[in-house]
Every structure is written in C-alpha cells, then in structure tokens.
Amino acid sequence: MFFPYETFVIMCCEYSSLFLTDKKYFYNKTCEGNTKMKKIVMVLILVMFSFNIYAADDRSEDRQQLRAIMTEVEKALNDQDLNIALKYMHQNVLVTYYNAEVTSGHDAALDFYSRMITSSNAIVKEYSSKAEVDAPATFYGNTAIAYGKSIEKYKLAGGLEFDLLGRWTATILKENNQWKIIALHFSTNLFENALLDNANQMKWIVGAIMFVVGVAFMLLLGRLRK
C-alpha cells in the first residue's frame, strides 16, 4: 500500500517537527513552501526503493542456475543417463535413497543406479519423475538448500506398477563459480504410500484365498469321512 506523495511529505514533516521547539516555524518554512524538502524526500524514496530491488534480486542469477540444474538432472534421470546427472553433482556427493541406502561419490551412485534400474536383473523396469520446488532456495554464503516434492512412476520387474509421492532435499555448493549438488535426500510417507497400500491389498487377497482353500479343504474332508 502506497501513500499519496503529498501525504507522505506531510507525515515526514510532522515527524521531524517533533524534535524541534518551534514546530509551527518548521512546518511553515520547510513543509509548505520549501520545494527543496519535497525533492529531498523524493530522492530518499528512490534510493530506498533501489536498495530494496537490489536486495530482492542479488541472488537472481544463482537461482536461475539452480533451476537449470534441477531441470537437467530431472531430464537425465528420466532418460536413464546418470552420467549426465553426475555432471551437476560434487565428486563426493552424498545421496540417501527411498530404501534407506546411502551412497558417497560418483562410483557408488552409478553402482546403485545400475543395480536398481539399468542392469539386466534390475529391480525397477521403468521409472519417471516430475520434481517441483516448494519454496525459493535458502542461501548461506556459497551454500544453498532447496526442497520440494516429486511425483514418480514405477514399474517393477515383478510387474507391480505404482505412483509415489516423494519428498526431496538438496544441498548445493558453489565452487569455482559453479554450483554442485553435495547432498541429496529422498523420502516418502512411511504410513501412507503406494507400496504399503499394495501390501495391505495383497494381505486381504491372500487372506481371502486362504479362507476359500480352508473351506474347500473342510468340505472335502467331510465328504471323505462319509
């Protein structure tokens, strides 16, 4: 909300006059007839506004670079090309996965990715992800922290297909004028997720099958006794 210019000038004058003994003289000489005071106030407003713009945009270039990194990493993972994604990760990057496994460094991450997704006996047959940022990254000097959610689709080697709502947190470090991911953490809701729903569904299916088999067995046993 902005005040009209004249109102703002009068407010400044009234506030300043509180510190003077002759308030009427100050107001008459400075605020009503002196245009220099108005010019000074306008300059001060412009200076303060410029500082606010600078303070708001001083990380705009860094934020743009971080968004570009997220886009490239997401594309690389969806293309199942982890080598491209690793270009944006520190050589000692620490990654915590959904299965609570942790890798340190590029080689360990490649081994995990191959074992889970790209090898001939991989657990995951198909995978895709769409990541979103919850809030602008927070900067601590040359370190930034970003977090958000991801909607991921899985098709396992056993045939099970499900969608997963994941959460992620990334720590990014700027070295040699380049941003690199140094830590990446994935998690999901332990008490409400697709795998748990599937397990509960299977429990009821297995229970129903066992009940039917039990009833059939009792009927057969009854006929044999006759």
C-alpha atoms as a PDB file:
ATOM      1  CA  MET A   1       0.000   0.000   0.000  1.00  0.00           C
ATOM      2  CA  PHE A   2       1.427   3.408  -1.051  1.00  0.00           C
ATOM      3  CA  PHE A   3       0.547   6.796   0.413  1.00  0.00           C
ATOM      4  CA  PRO A   4      -0.037   9.768  -1.908  1.00  0.00           C
ATOM      5  CA  TYR A   5       3.110  11.825  -2.291  1.00  0.00           C
ATOM      6  CA  GLU A   6       1.786  14.927  -0.509  1.00  0.00           C
ATOM      7  CA  THR A   7       0.541  12.859   2.411  1.00  0.00           C
ATOM      8  CA  PHE A   8       3.920  11.194   2.737  1.00  0.00           C
ATOM      9  CA  VAL A   9       5.757  14.522   2.747  1.00  0.00           C
ATOM     10  CA  ILE A  10       3.429  15.954   5.405  1.00  0.00           C
ATOM     11  CA  MET A  11       3.920  12.852   7.559  1.00  0.00           C
ATOM     12  CA  CYS A  12       7.697  13.217   7.299  1.00  0.00           C
ATOM     13  CA  CYS A  13       7.489  16.846   8.235  1.00  0.00           C
ATOM     14  CA  GLU A  14       5.203  16.225  11.179  1.00  0.00           C
ATOM     15  CA  TYR A  15       7.503  13.511  12.465  1.00  0.00           C
ATOM     16  CA  SER A  16      10.595  15.669  12.070  1.00  0.00           C
ATOM     17  CA  SER A  17       8.964  18.633  13.801  1.00  0.00           C
ATOM     18  CA  LEU A  18       8.593  16.611  16.978  1.00  0.00           C
ATOM     19  CA  PHE A  19      12.278  17.162  17.612  1.00  0.00           C
ATOM     20  CA  LEU A  20      12.124  20.946  17.172  1.00  0.00           C
ATOM     21  CA  THR A  21      10.975  23.542  19.678  1.00  0.00           C
ATOM     22  CA  ASP A  22       9.268  25.785  17.157  1.00  0.00           C
ATOM     23  CA  LYS A  23       7.062  23.286  15.304  1.00  0.00           C
ATOM     24  CA  LYS A  24       4.997  25.959  13.527  1.00  0.00           C
ATOM     25  CA  TYR A  25       8.087  27.676  12.125  1.00  0.00           C
ATOM     26  CA  PHE A  26       9.491  24.371  10.896  1.00  0.00           C
ATOM     27  CA  TYR A  27       6.274  23.318   9.207  1.00  0.00           C
ATOM     28  CA  ASN A  28       5.597  26.673   7.555  1.00  0.00           C
ATOM     29  CA  LYS A  29       9.153  27.206   6.321  1.00  0.00           C
ATOM     30  CA  THR A  30      10.044  23.650   5.367  1.00  0.00           C
ATOM     31  CA  CYS A  31       6.945  21.659   4.561  1.00  0.00           C
ATOM     32  CA  GLU A  32       4.521  24.059   2.978  1.00  0.00           C
ATOM     33  CA  GLY A  33       6.614  26.440   0.990  1.00  0.00           C
ATOM     34  CA  ASN A  34      10.011  24.838   0.511  1.00  0.00           C
ATOM     35  CA  THR A  35      10.098  22.632  -2.600  1.00  0.00           C
ATOM     36  CA  LYS A  36      13.645  21.533  -1.777  1.00  0.00           C
ATOM     37  CA  MET A  37      12.300  19.408   1.060  1.00  0.00           C
ATOM     38  CA  LYS A  38       9.974  17.638  -1.350  1.00  0.00           C
ATOM     39  CA  LYS A  39      12.846  16.908  -3.720  1.00  0.00           C
ATOM     40  CA  ILE A  40      14.960  15.542  -0.893  1.00  0.00           C
ATOM     41  CA  VAL A  41      12.141  13.264   0.235  1.00  0.00           C
ATOM     42  CA  MET A  42      11.652  12.024  -3.323  1.00  0.00           C
ATOM     43  CA  VAL A  43      15.358  11.237  -3.675  1.00  0.00           C
ATOM     44  CA  LEU A  44      15.303   9.327  -0.409  1.00  0.00           C
ATOM     45  CA  ILE A  45      12.305   7.307  -1.591  1.00  0.00           C
ATOM     46  CA  LEU A  46      14.075   6.420  -4.845  1.00  0.00           C
ATOM     47  CA  VAL A  47      17.247   5.421  -3.008  1.00  0.00           C
ATOM     48  CA  MET A  48      15.375   3.179  -0.574  1.00  0.00           C
ATOM     49  CA  PHE A  49      13.399   1.630  -3.435  1.00  0.00           C
ATOM     50  CA  SER A  50      16.623   0.917  -5.334  1.00  0.00           C
ATOM     51  CA  PHE A  51      18.121  -0.794  -2.300  1.00  0.00           C
ATOM     52  CA  ASN A  52      15.015  -2.972  -1.946  1.00  0.00           C
ATOM     53  CA  ILE A  53      15.219  -4.035  -5.584  1.00  0.00           C
ATOM     54  CA  TYR A  54      18.895  -4.895  -5.219  1.00  0.00           C
ATOM     55  CA  ALA A  55      18.271  -6.854  -2.033  1.00  0.00           C
ATOM     56  CA  ALA A  56      15.487  -8.834  -3.718  1.00  0.00           C
ATOM     57  CA  ASP A  57      17.465  -9.670  -6.878  1.00  0.00           C
ATOM     58  CA  ASP A  58      21.020 -10.124  -5.625  1.00  0.00           C
ATOM     59  CA  ARG A  59      20.633 -13.921  -5.923  1.00  0.00           C
ATOM     60  CA  SER A  60      18.586 -13.952  -9.110  1.00  0.00           C
ATOM     61  CA  GLU A  61      21.460 -15.299 -11.227  1.00  0.00           C
ATOM     62  CA  ASP A  62      22.192 -18.051  -8.704  1.00  0.00           C
ATOM     63  CA  ARG A  63      18.525 -19.013  -8.554  1.00  0.00           C
ATOM     64  CA  GLN A  64      18.417 -19.252 -12.325  1.00  0.00           C
ATOM     65  CA  GLN A  65      21.436 -21.571 -12.292  1.00  0.00           C
ATOM     66  CA  LEU A  66      19.861 -23.778  -9.612  1.00  0.00           C
ATOM     67  CA  ARG A  67      16.636 -24.086 -11.614  1.00  0.00           C
ATOM     68  CA  ALA A  68      18.665 -25.077 -14.665  1.00  0.00           C
ATOM     69  CA  ILE A  69      20.468 -27.766 -12.648  1.00  0.00           C
ATOM     70  CA  MET A  70      17.189 -29.226 -11.407  1.00  0.00           C
ATOM     71  CA  THR A  71      15.820 -29.334 -14.962  1.00  0.00           C
ATOM     72  CA  GLU A  72      18.925 -31.041 -16.360  1.00  0.00           C
ATOM     73  CA  VAL A  73      19.170 -33.592 -13.546  1.00  0.00           C
ATOM     74  CA  GLU A  74      15.485 -34.458 -13.848  1.00  0.00           C
ATOM     75  CA  LYS A  75      15.806 -34.930 -17.615  1.00  0.00           C
ATOM     76  CA  ALA A  76      18.918 -37.104 -17.214  1.00  0.00           C
ATOM     77  CA  LEU A  77      17.213 -39.371 -14.676  1.00  0.00           C
ATOM     78  CA  ASN A  78      14.123 -39.752 -16.846  1.00  0.00           C
ATOM     79  CA  ASP A  79      16.414 -40.614 -19.781  1.00  0.00           C
ATOM     80  CA  GLN A  80      18.192 -43.147 -17.516  1.00  0.00           C
ATOM     81  CA  ASP A  81      21.516 -41.392 -18.098  1.00  0.00           C
ATOM     82  CA  LEU A  82      23.028 -40.913 -14.662  1.00  0.00           C
ATOM     83  CA  ASN A  83      26.381 -39.816 -16.126  1.00  0.00           C
ATOM     84  CA  ILE A  84      24.741 -36.581 -17.296  1.00  0.00           C
ATOM     85  CA  ALA A  85      23.158 -36.018 -13.882  1.00  0.00           C
ATOM     86  CA  LEU A  86      26.502 -36.569 -12.148  1.00  0.00           C
ATOM     87  CA  LYS A  87      27.982 -33.603 -14.031  1.00  0.00           C
ATOM     88  CA  TYR A  88      25.931 -31.405 -11.710  1.00  0.00           C
ATOM     89  CA  MET A  89      26.929 -33.303  -8.570  1.00  0.00           C
ATOM     90  CA  HIS A  90      30.021 -32.932  -6.418  1.00  0.00           C
ATOM     91  CA  GLN A  91      32.525 -35.781  -6.713  1.00  0.00           C
ATOM     92  CA  ASN A  92      31.789 -36.670  -3.089  1.00  0.00           C
ATOM     93  CA  VAL A  93      28.026 -36.242  -3.365  1.00  0.00           C
ATOM     94  CA  LEU A  94      26.075 -37.966  -0.599  1.00  0.00           C
ATOM     95  CA  VAL A  95      22.740 -39.468  -1.637  1.00  0.00           C
ATOM     96  CA  THR A  96      20.118 -41.065   0.629  1.00  0.00           C
ATOM     97  CA  TYR A  97      17.526 -43.134  -1.259  1.00  0.00           C
ATOM     98  CA  TYR A  98      13.983 -44.290  -0.555  1.00  0.00           C
ATOM     99  CA  ASN A  99      15.179 -47.697   0.629  1.00  0.00           C
ATOM    100  CA  ALA A 100      17.389 -46.018   3.277  1.00  0.00           C
ATOM    101  CA  GLU A 101      20.545 -46.914   1.350  1.00  0.00           C
ATOM    102  CA  VAL A 102      23.264 -44.252   1.223  1.00  0.00           C
ATOM    103  CA  THR A 103      25.973 -43.736  -1.396  1.00  0.00           C
ATOM    104  CA  SER A 104      29.010 -41.453  -1.307  1.00  0.00           C
ATOM    105  CA  GLY A 105      30.662 -40.337  -4.520  1.00  0.00           C
ATOM    106  CA  HIS A 106      30.005 -40.861  -8.224  1.00  0.00           C
ATOM    107  CA  ASP A 107      31.082 -44.510  -8.457  1.00  0.00           C
ATOM    108  CA  ALA A 108      28.824 -45.628  -5.618  1.00  0.00           C
ATOM    109  CA  ALA A 109      25.883 -43.736  -7.134  1.00  0.00           C
ATOM    110  CA  LEU A 110      26.493 -45.384 -10.516  1.00  0.00           C
ATOM    111  CA  ASP A 111      26.610 -48.834  -8.906  1.00  0.00           C
ATOM    112  CA  PHE A 112      23.324 -48.219  -7.080  1.00  0.00           C
ATOM    113  CA  TYR A 113      21.624 -46.875 -10.225  1.00  0.00           C
ATOM    114  CA  SER A 114      22.814 -49.839 -12.287  1.00  0.00           C
ATOM    115  CA  ARG A 115      21.716 -52.374  -9.687  1.00  0.00           C
ATOM    116  CA  MET A 116      18.282 -50.811  -9.244  1.00  0.00           C
ATOM    117  CA  ILE A 117      17.384 -49.616 -12.753  1.00  0.00           C
ATOM    118  CA  THR A 118      19.682 -50.240 -15.728  1.00  0.00           C
ATOM    119  CA  SER A 119      21.149 -53.727 -15.266  1.00  0.00           C
ATOM    120  CA  SER A 120      19.574 -56.848 -16.793  1.00  0.00           C
ATOM    121  CA  ASN A 121      18.341 -58.056 -13.406  1.00  0.00           C
ATOM    122  CA  ALA A 122      17.363 -54.618 -12.081  1.00  0.00           C
ATOM    123  CA  ILE A 123      14.506 -54.303  -9.617  1.00  0.00           C
ATOM    124  CA  VAL A 124      12.963 -51.318 -11.424  1.00  0.00           C
ATOM    125  CA  LYS A 125      11.963 -51.874 -15.045  1.00  0.00           C
ATOM    126  CA  GLU A 126      10.595 -48.409 -15.819  1.00  0.00           C
ATOM    127  CA  TYR A 127      10.871 -45.109 -13.972  1.00  0.00           C
ATOM    128  CA  SER A 128       9.900 -41.474 -14.473  1.00  0.00           C
ATOM    129  CA  SER A 129       9.804 -38.437 -12.202  1.00  0.00           C
ATOM    130  CA  LYS A 130       8.467 -34.897 -12.142  1.00  0.00           C
ATOM    131  CA  ALA A 131      10.010 -32.682  -9.459  1.00  0.00           C
ATOM    132  CA  GLU A 132       8.666 -29.426  -8.046  1.00  0.00           C
ATOM    133  CA  VAL A 133      10.199 -26.854  -5.710  1.00  0.00           C
ATOM    134  CA  ASP A 134       8.177 -25.943  -2.625  1.00  0.00           C
ATOM    135  CA  ALA A 135       9.897 -22.605  -1.948  1.00  0.00           C
ATOM    136  CA  PRO A 136      12.822 -20.489  -3.194  1.00  0.00           C
ATOM    137  CA  ALA A 137      16.234 -21.820  -2.202  1.00  0.00           C
ATOM    138  CA  THR A 138      17.770 -20.525   1.015  1.00  0.00           C
ATOM    139  CA  PHE A 139      21.343 -19.255   0.731  1.00  0.00           C
ATOM    140  CA  TYR A 140      24.080 -19.407   3.346  1.00  0.00           C
ATOM    141  CA  GLY A 141      27.037 -17.778   1.641  1.00  0.00           C
ATOM    142  CA  ASN A 142      28.187 -20.188  -1.074  1.00  0.00           C
ATOM    143  CA  THR A 143      25.783 -22.896   0.078  1.00  0.00           C
ATOM    144  CA  ALA A 144      22.126 -23.230  -0.902  1.00  0.00           C
ATOM    145  CA  ILE A 145      19.394 -25.528   0.376  1.00  0.00           C
ATOM    146  CA  ALA A 146      16.353 -26.388  -1.716  1.00  0.00           C
ATOM    147  CA  TYR A 147      13.477 -28.763  -1.088  1.00  0.00           C
ATOM    148  CA  GLY A 148      10.291 -29.913  -2.731  1.00  0.00           C
ATOM    149  CA  LYS A 149       8.210 -32.853  -3.869  1.00  0.00           C
ATOM    150  CA  SER A 150       8.281 -35.302  -6.752  1.00  0.00           C
ATOM    151  CA  ILE A 151       5.645 -37.413  -8.448  1.00  0.00           C
ATOM    152  CA  GLU A 152       7.282 -40.652  -9.569  1.00  0.00           C
ATOM    153  CA  LYS A 153       6.029 -43.601 -11.576  1.00  0.00           C
ATOM    154  CA  TYR A 154       7.499 -47.082 -11.136  1.00  0.00           C
ATOM    155  CA  LYS A 155       7.129 -50.382 -12.916  1.00  0.00           C
ATOM    156  CA  LEU A 156       8.968 -53.179 -11.134  1.00  0.00           C
ATOM    157  CA  ALA A 157      10.456 -56.271 -12.691  1.00  0.00           C
ATOM    158  CA  GLY A 158       7.809 -58.379 -10.966  1.00  0.00           C
ATOM    159  CA  GLY A 159       5.030 -56.476 -12.768  1.00  0.00           C
ATOM    160  CA  LEU A 160       3.908 -54.191  -9.952  1.00  0.00           C
ATOM    161  CA  GLU A 161       3.167 -50.614 -11.081  1.00  0.00           C
ATOM    162  CA  PHE A 162       2.570 -47.687  -8.747  1.00  0.00           C
ATOM    163  CA  ASP A 163       2.900 -43.919  -8.320  1.00  0.00           C
ATOM    164  CA  LEU A 164       4.910 -42.492  -5.464  1.00  0.00           C
ATOM    165  CA  LEU A 165       4.689 -39.028  -3.898  1.00  0.00           C
ATOM    166  CA  GLY A 166       8.218 -38.337  -2.760  1.00  0.00           C
ATOM    167  CA  ARG A 167       9.972 -35.571  -0.853  1.00  0.00           C
ATOM    168  CA  TRP A 168      13.487 -34.374  -1.595  1.00  0.00           C
ATOM    169  CA  THR A 169      16.052 -32.019  -0.071  1.00  0.00           C
ATOM    170  CA  ALA A 170      19.174 -30.852  -1.897  1.00  0.00           C
ATOM    171  CA  THR A 171      22.259 -29.073  -0.586  1.00  0.00           C
ATOM    172  CA  ILE A 172      24.203 -27.253  -3.284  1.00  0.00           C
ATOM    173  CA  LEU A 173      27.713 -25.761  -3.002  1.00  0.00           C
ATOM    174  CA  LYS A 174      29.227 -23.077  -5.216  1.00  0.00           C
ATOM    175  CA  GLU A 175      32.889 -23.737  -6.058  1.00  0.00           C
ATOM    176  CA  ASN A 176      34.889 -22.041  -8.817  1.00  0.00           C
ATOM    177  CA  ASN A 177      31.738 -20.139  -9.781  1.00  0.00           C
ATOM    178  CA  GLN A 178      29.841 -23.397 -10.378  1.00  0.00           C
ATOM    179  CA  TRP A 179      27.004 -24.883  -8.353  1.00  0.00           C
ATOM    180  CA  LYS A 180      27.307 -28.587  -7.499  1.00  0.00           C
ATOM    181  CA  ILE A 181      24.929 -30.808  -5.535  1.00  0.00           C
ATOM    182  CA  ILE A 182      26.792 -32.101  -2.470  1.00  0.00           C
ATOM    183  CA  ALA A 183      23.903 -33.877  -0.716  1.00  0.00           C
ATOM    184  CA  LEU A 184      20.574 -35.236  -1.906  1.00  0.00           C
ATOM    185  CA  HIS A 185      17.966 -36.880   0.296  1.00  0.00           C
ATOM    186  CA  PHE A 186      14.790 -38.693  -0.787  1.00  0.00           C
ATOM    187  CA  SER A 187      11.941 -39.780   1.464  1.00  0.00           C
ATOM    188  CA  THR A 188       8.260 -40.630   1.417  1.00  0.00           C
ATOM    189  CA  ASN A 189       5.414 -41.037   3.879  1.00  0.00           C
ATOM    190  CA  LEU A 190       6.142 -44.199   5.854  1.00  0.00           C
ATOM    191  CA  PHE A 191       2.499 -44.687   6.851  1.00  0.00           C
ATOM    192  CA  GLU A 192       0.765 -43.789   3.592  1.00  0.00           C
ATOM    193  CA  ASN A 193       2.292 -44.786   0.269  1.00  0.00           C
ATOM    194  CA  ALA A 194       1.613 -46.955  -2.770  1.00  0.00           C
ATOM    195  CA  LEU A 195       3.731 -49.902  -1.630  1.00  0.00           C
ATOM    196  CA  LEU A 196       2.002 -50.036   1.749  1.00  0.00           C
ATOM    197  CA  ASP A 197      -1.408 -49.856   0.087  1.00  0.00           C
ATOM    198  CA  ASN A 198      -0.407 -52.674  -2.229  1.00  0.00           C
ATOM    199  CA  ALA A 199       0.848 -54.765   0.705  1.00  0.00           C
ATOM    200  CA  ASN A 200      -2.447 -54.247   2.558  1.00  0.00           C
ATOM    201  CA  GLN A 201      -4.394 -55.183  -0.555  1.00  0.00           C
ATOM    202  CA  MET A 202      -2.321 -58.320  -1.025  1.00  0.00           C
ATOM    203  CA  LYS A 203      -2.882 -59.213   2.637  1.00  0.00           C
ATOM    204  CA  TRP A 204      -6.640 -59.202   2.114  1.00  0.00           C
ATOM    205  CA  ILE A 205      -6.339 -61.137  -1.140  1.00  0.00           C
ATOM    206  CA  VAL A 206      -4.129 -63.772   0.452  1.00  0.00           C
ATOM    207  CA  GLY A 207      -6.484 -63.967   3.440  1.00  0.00           C
ATOM    208  CA  ALA A 208      -9.494 -64.452   1.177  1.00  0.00           C
ATOM    209  CA  ILE A 209      -7.698 -67.159  -0.806  1.00  0.00           C
ATOM    210  CA  MET A 210      -6.663 -68.976   2.358  1.00  0.00           C
ATOM    211  CA  PHE A 211     -10.253 -68.800   3.639  1.00  0.00           C
ATOM    212  CA  VAL A 212     -11.621 -70.283   0.419  1.00  0.00           C
ATOM    213  CA  VAL A 213      -8.950 -73.007   0.434  1.00  0.00           C
ATOM    214  CA  GLY A 214      -9.734 -73.769   4.089  1.00  0.00           C
ATOM    215  CA  VAL A 215     -13.458 -74.079   3.415  1.00  0.00           C
ATOM    216  CA  ALA A 216     -12.843 -76.285   0.386  1.00  0.00           C
ATOM    217  CA  PHE A 217     -10.498 -78.487   2.417  1.00  0.00           C
ATOM    218  CA  MET A 218     -13.079 -78.907   5.214  1.00  0.00           C
ATOM    219  CA  LEU A 219     -15.789 -79.809   2.692  1.00  0.00           C
ATOM    220  CA  LEU A 220     -13.519 -82.345   1.030  1.00  0.00           C
ATOM    221  CA  LEU A 221     -12.539 -83.804   4.402  1.00  0.00           C
ATOM    222  CA  GLY A 222     -16.202 -84.079   5.363  1.00  0.00           C
ATOM    223  CA  ARG A 223     -17.045 -85.998   2.165  1.00  0.00           C
ATOM    224  CA  LEU A 224     -14.113 -88.398   2.677  1.00  0.00           C
ATOM    225  CA  ARG A 225     -15.409 -89.289   6.163  1.00  0.00           C
ATOM    226  CA  LYS A 226     -18.792 -90.275   4.837  1.00  0.00           C
END
